[in-house]
Amino acid sequence: MDSNMMRQVQEMQRRAEELQKSLAAMEVEGVAGGGLVVVVVNGLGDIQKVRIDTSLMKPEEKQVVEDLVAAAYADGKKKLEAKRFEDAGFLGNLMKSFMPPGSS
């Protein structure tokens, strides 16, 4: 592998690591029950925080809370996918930067 190709591969790896870090730092909020439950999801799809309104903290509300947490997470994932789609232009441009001139 020539040194120019090696530099390109290293640059692509560096950019991929930056993208991974930016995804981990990205956060969206999934909301359910009119804001009674909020789930914060990072760009990797991991739940970072769950906020539950105290009005739901009753034993008889257990099933409602469980359903709202699941709905809030689903909402957060949907928002995350939309944000990733918006940011897909970045990834496309990243890949084009490694293609030979005139090949895109």
C-alpha atoms as a PDB file:
ATOM      1  CA  MET A   1       0.000   0.000   0.000  1.00  0.00           C
ATOM      2  CA  ASP A   2       1.550   3.328  -0.986  1.00  0.00           C
ATOM      3  CA  SER A   3       1.975   6.120   1.530  1.00  0.00           C
ATOM      4  CA  ASN A   4      -0.767   8.294  -0.028  1.00  0.00           C
ATOM      5  CA  MET A   5      -3.288   5.460   0.234  1.00  0.00           C
ATOM      6  CA  MET A   6      -2.172   4.770   3.821  1.00  0.00           C
ATOM      7  CA  ARG A   7      -2.703   8.442   4.735  1.00  0.00           C
ATOM      8  CA  GLN A   8      -6.185   8.323   3.202  1.00  0.00           C
ATOM      9  CA  VAL A   9      -7.063   5.208   5.203  1.00  0.00           C
ATOM     10  CA  GLN A  10      -5.762   6.798   8.409  1.00  0.00           C
ATOM     11  CA  GLU A  11      -7.754   9.976   7.683  1.00  0.00           C
ATOM     12  CA  MET A  12     -10.884   7.924   7.064  1.00  0.00           C
ATOM     13  CA  GLN A  13     -10.366   6.089  10.370  1.00  0.00           C
ATOM     14  CA  ARG A  14      -9.862   9.406  12.186  1.00  0.00           C
ATOM     15  CA  ARG A  15     -13.056  10.824  10.682  1.00  0.00           C
ATOM     16  CA  ALA A  16     -14.993   7.664  11.519  1.00  0.00           C
ATOM     17  CA  GLU A  17     -13.832   7.970  15.144  1.00  0.00           C
ATOM     18  CA  GLU A  18     -14.937  11.623  15.182  1.00  0.00           C
ATOM     19  CA  LEU A  19     -18.328  10.597  13.827  1.00  0.00           C
ATOM     20  CA  GLN A  20     -18.675   7.931  16.539  1.00  0.00           C
ATOM     21  CA  LYS A  21     -17.814  10.512  19.219  1.00  0.00           C
ATOM     22  CA  SER A  22     -20.282  13.027  17.808  1.00  0.00           C
ATOM     23  CA  LEU A  23     -23.020  10.368  17.780  1.00  0.00           C
ATOM     24  CA  ALA A  24     -22.300   9.517  21.413  1.00  0.00           C
ATOM     25  CA  ALA A  25     -22.505  13.226  22.294  1.00  0.00           C
ATOM     26  CA  MET A  26     -25.743  13.826  20.340  1.00  0.00           C
ATOM     27  CA  GLU A  27     -28.917  13.738  22.433  1.00  0.00           C
ATOM     28  CA  VAL A  28     -32.600  13.791  21.565  1.00  0.00           C
ATOM     29  CA  GLU A  29     -35.611  13.735  23.875  1.00  0.00           C
ATOM     30  CA  GLY A  30     -38.430  11.294  23.426  1.00  0.00           C
ATOM     31  CA  VAL A  31     -41.654  12.488  25.037  1.00  0.00           C
ATOM     32  CA  ALA A  32     -44.861  10.647  25.963  1.00  0.00           C
ATOM     33  CA  GLY A  33     -48.010  11.419  27.882  1.00  0.00           C
ATOM     34  CA  GLY A  34     -47.837  15.115  27.066  1.00  0.00           C
ATOM     35  CA  GLY A  35     -44.466  15.415  28.762  1.00  0.00           C
ATOM     36  CA  LEU A  36     -45.201  13.236  31.777  1.00  0.00           C
ATOM     37  CA  VAL A  37     -42.367  10.941  30.676  1.00  0.00           C
ATOM     38  CA  VAL A  38     -39.201  12.084  28.916  1.00  0.00           C
ATOM     39  CA  VAL A  39     -36.440   9.749  27.763  1.00  0.00           C
ATOM     40  CA  VAL A  40     -33.094  11.211  26.644  1.00  0.00           C
ATOM     41  CA  VAL A  41     -31.422   9.054  23.975  1.00  0.00           C
ATOM     42  CA  ASN A  42     -27.895   9.561  22.644  1.00  0.00           C
ATOM     43  CA  GLY A  43     -26.900   9.227  19.000  1.00  0.00           C
ATOM     44  CA  LEU A  44     -25.970   5.594  19.511  1.00  0.00           C
ATOM     45  CA  GLY A  45     -29.519   4.803  20.674  1.00  0.00           C
ATOM     46  CA  ASP A  46     -28.614   4.398  24.326  1.00  0.00           C
ATOM     47  CA  ILE A  47     -30.929   5.772  27.026  1.00  0.00           C
ATOM     48  CA  GLN A  48     -29.109   8.465  28.986  1.00  0.00           C
ATOM     49  CA  LYS A  49     -31.877   9.734  31.286  1.00  0.00           C
ATOM     50  CA  VAL A  50     -35.495   9.036  32.151  1.00  0.00           C
ATOM     51  CA  ARG A  51     -37.684  11.705  33.745  1.00  0.00           C
ATOM     52  CA  ILE A  52     -41.072  10.714  35.153  1.00  0.00           C
ATOM     53  CA  ASP A  53     -43.537  13.249  36.494  1.00  0.00           C
ATOM     54  CA  THR A  54     -44.263  12.648  40.168  1.00  0.00           C
ATOM     55  CA  SER A  55     -48.010  12.479  39.447  1.00  0.00           C
ATOM     56  CA  LEU A  56     -47.344   9.022  37.974  1.00  0.00           C
ATOM     57  CA  MET A  57     -45.630   7.685  41.095  1.00  0.00           C
ATOM     58  CA  LYS A  58     -48.523   5.602  42.368  1.00  0.00           C
ATOM     59  CA  PRO A  59     -48.711   1.805  42.416  1.00  0.00           C
ATOM     60  CA  GLU A  60     -51.908   1.858  40.376  1.00  0.00           C
ATOM     61  CA  GLU A  61     -50.091   3.819  37.624  1.00  0.00           C
ATOM     62  CA  LYS A  62     -47.364   1.172  37.166  1.00  0.00           C
ATOM     63  CA  GLN A  63     -48.617  -0.096  33.781  1.00  0.00           C
ATOM     64  CA  VAL A  64     -49.194   3.448  32.533  1.00  0.00           C
ATOM     65  CA  VAL A  65     -45.632   4.428  33.479  1.00  0.00           C
ATOM     66  CA  GLU A  66     -44.185   1.364  31.775  1.00  0.00           C
ATOM     67  CA  ASP A  67     -46.158   2.103  28.603  1.00  0.00           C
ATOM     68  CA  LEU A  68     -45.177   5.765  28.632  1.00  0.00           C
ATOM     69  CA  VAL A  69     -41.469   4.965  29.079  1.00  0.00           C
ATOM     70  CA  ALA A  70     -41.630   2.616  26.098  1.00  0.00           C
ATOM     71  CA  ALA A  71     -43.501   5.235  24.051  1.00  0.00           C
ATOM     72  CA  ALA A  72     -41.050   7.969  25.001  1.00  0.00           C
ATOM     73  CA  TYR A  73     -38.121   5.761  24.004  1.00  0.00           C
ATOM     74  CA  ALA A  74     -39.779   4.995  20.661  1.00  0.00           C
ATOM     75  CA  ASP A  75     -40.320   8.732  20.136  1.00  0.00           C
ATOM     76  CA  GLY A  76     -36.673   9.402  20.941  1.00  0.00           C
ATOM     77  CA  LYS A  77     -35.498   6.715  18.515  1.00  0.00           C
ATOM     78  CA  LYS A  78     -37.696   8.201  15.783  1.00  0.00           C
ATOM     79  CA  LYS A  79     -36.230  11.659  16.390  1.00  0.00           C
ATOM     80  CA  LEU A  80     -32.743  10.176  16.440  1.00  0.00           C
ATOM     81  CA  GLU A  81     -33.264   8.507  13.066  1.00  0.00           C
ATOM     82  CA  ALA A  82     -34.502  11.822  11.641  1.00  0.00           C
ATOM     83  CA  LYS A  83     -31.416  13.593  12.973  1.00  0.00           C
ATOM     84  CA  ARG A  84     -29.128  10.883  11.607  1.00  0.00           C
ATOM     85  CA  PHE A  85     -30.817  11.246   8.222  1.00  0.00           C
ATOM     86  CA  GLU A  86     -30.184  15.006   8.350  1.00  0.00           C
ATOM     87  CA  ASP A  87     -26.551  14.340   9.191  1.00  0.00           C
ATOM     88  CA  ALA A  88     -26.235  11.684   6.467  1.00  0.00           C
ATOM     89  CA  GLY A  89     -25.096  14.421   4.101  1.00  0.00           C
ATOM     90  CA  PHE A  90     -21.944  14.661   6.213  1.00  0.00           C
ATOM     91  CA  LEU A  91     -21.260  10.958   5.859  1.00  0.00           C
ATOM     92  CA  GLY A  92     -21.890  11.039   2.114  1.00  0.00           C
ATOM     93  CA  ASN A  93     -19.484  13.916   1.726  1.00  0.00           C
ATOM     94  CA  LEU A  94     -16.943  12.080   3.865  1.00  0.00           C
ATOM     95  CA  MET A  95     -17.087   9.032   1.593  1.00  0.00           C
ATOM     96  CA  LYS A  96     -16.847  11.182  -1.556  1.00  0.00           C
ATOM     97  CA  SER A  97     -13.690  12.797  -0.207  1.00  0.00           C
ATOM     98  CA  PHE A  98     -11.943   9.414  -0.480  1.00  0.00           C
ATOM     99  CA  MET A  99     -13.103   8.605  -4.007  1.00  0.00           C
ATOM    100  CA  PRO A 100     -10.811   9.278  -6.951  1.00  0.00           C
ATOM    101  CA  PRO A 101     -11.604  12.533  -8.796  1.00  0.00           C
ATOM    102  CA  GLY A 102     -14.356  12.133 -11.366  1.00  0.00           C
ATOM    103  CA  SER A 103     -15.717   8.886  -9.919  1.00  0.00           C
ATOM    104  CA  SER A 104     -18.661  10.326  -7.978  1.00  0.00           C
END
